[in-house]
Amino acid sequence: MEFLESINWAILAPIVIIQLILIAIAIIDLVKIEKANGPKWVWALIILFINLLGPIIYFIFGRRS
């Protein structure tokens, strides 16, 4: 429990919130679009398991123009 008290939440909280918002927007977009560059299930795994960069990678490479 001492570890949780030593975390600087003022810095960490905005990063976590931004990450959760990006993940939510990317997943919603992935569900709504008809086709992606590659299988949708792979993009879902990338979005969910590659922290912070997964949604950004999806928006750059995963969406079809």
Protein backbone atom coordinates (compact mmCIF):
# COMPACT_ATOMS: atom_id res chain seq x y z
CA MET A 1 0.00 0.00 0.00
CA GLU A 2 2.94 2.31 0.51
CA PHE A 3 3.63 2.07 -3.23
CA LEU A 4 0.20 3.52 -4.06
CA GLU A 5 0.79 6.43 -1.71
CA SER A 6 4.10 7.28 -3.37
CA ILE A 7 2.58 7.67 -6.85
CA ASN A 8 2.21 11.26 -8.05
CA TRP A 9 -1.46 11.10 -9.07
CA ALA A 10 -1.46 14.72 -10.30
CA ILE A 11 0.78 13.65 -13.19
CA LEU A 12 -0.51 10.11 -13.71
CA ALA A 13 -4.28 10.75 -13.62
CA PRO A 14 -4.48 12.92 -16.78
CA ILE A 15 -2.41 10.37 -18.73
CA VAL A 16 -4.71 7.53 -17.64
CA ILE A 17 -7.81 9.56 -18.51
CA ILE A 18 -6.42 10.45 -21.97
CA GLN A 19 -5.54 6.79 -22.55
CA LEU A 20 -9.04 5.61 -21.62
CA ILE A 21 -10.67 8.25 -23.83
CA LEU A 22 -8.45 7.28 -26.79
CA ILE A 23 -9.23 3.59 -26.31
CA ALA A 24 -12.98 4.26 -26.12
CA ILE A 25 -13.00 6.47 -29.23
CA ALA A 26 -10.87 4.00 -31.20
CA ILE A 27 -13.04 1.00 -30.27
CA ILE A 28 -16.25 2.89 -31.09
CA ASP A 29 -14.78 3.95 -34.44
CA LEU A 30 -13.60 0.41 -35.17
CA VAL A 31 -17.10 -0.97 -34.52
CA LYS A 32 -18.79 1.69 -36.67
CA ILE A 33 -16.60 1.54 -39.78
CA GLU A 34 -17.36 -1.01 -42.45
CA LYS A 35 -13.78 -2.02 -43.30
CA ALA A 36 -10.38 -1.48 -41.75
CA ASN A 37 -6.87 -2.07 -43.08
CA GLY A 38 -6.66 -5.65 -41.88
CA PRO A 39 -8.88 -7.77 -39.66
CA LYS A 40 -10.90 -5.83 -37.12
CA TRP A 41 -10.11 -8.29 -34.32
CA VAL A 42 -6.38 -7.63 -34.77
CA TRP A 43 -6.98 -3.88 -34.55
CA ALA A 44 -9.08 -4.41 -31.41
CA LEU A 45 -6.19 -6.27 -29.79
CA ILE A 46 -3.73 -3.55 -30.82
CA ILE A 47 -6.01 -0.83 -29.43
CA LEU A 48 -6.55 -2.64 -26.13
CA PHE A 49 -3.13 -4.09 -25.40
CA ILE A 50 -0.61 -1.56 -26.72
CA ASN A 51 -1.00 1.15 -24.12
CA LEU A 52 -1.50 4.72 -25.32
CA LEU A 53 0.12 4.00 -28.70
CA GLY A 54 -2.42 1.36 -29.80
CA PRO A 55 -5.27 3.80 -30.50
CA ILE A 56 -2.88 6.24 -32.17
CA ILE A 57 -1.48 3.46 -34.38
CA TYR A 58 -5.05 2.49 -35.30
CA PHE A 59 -6.01 6.04 -36.27
CA ILE A 60 -2.86 6.44 -38.40
CA PHE A 61 -2.68 3.02 -40.10
CA GLY A 62 -5.89 1.10 -39.38
CA ARG A 63 -8.57 3.32 -40.89
CA ARG A 64 -9.26 3.30 -44.58
CA SER A 65 -9.50 6.69 -46.21
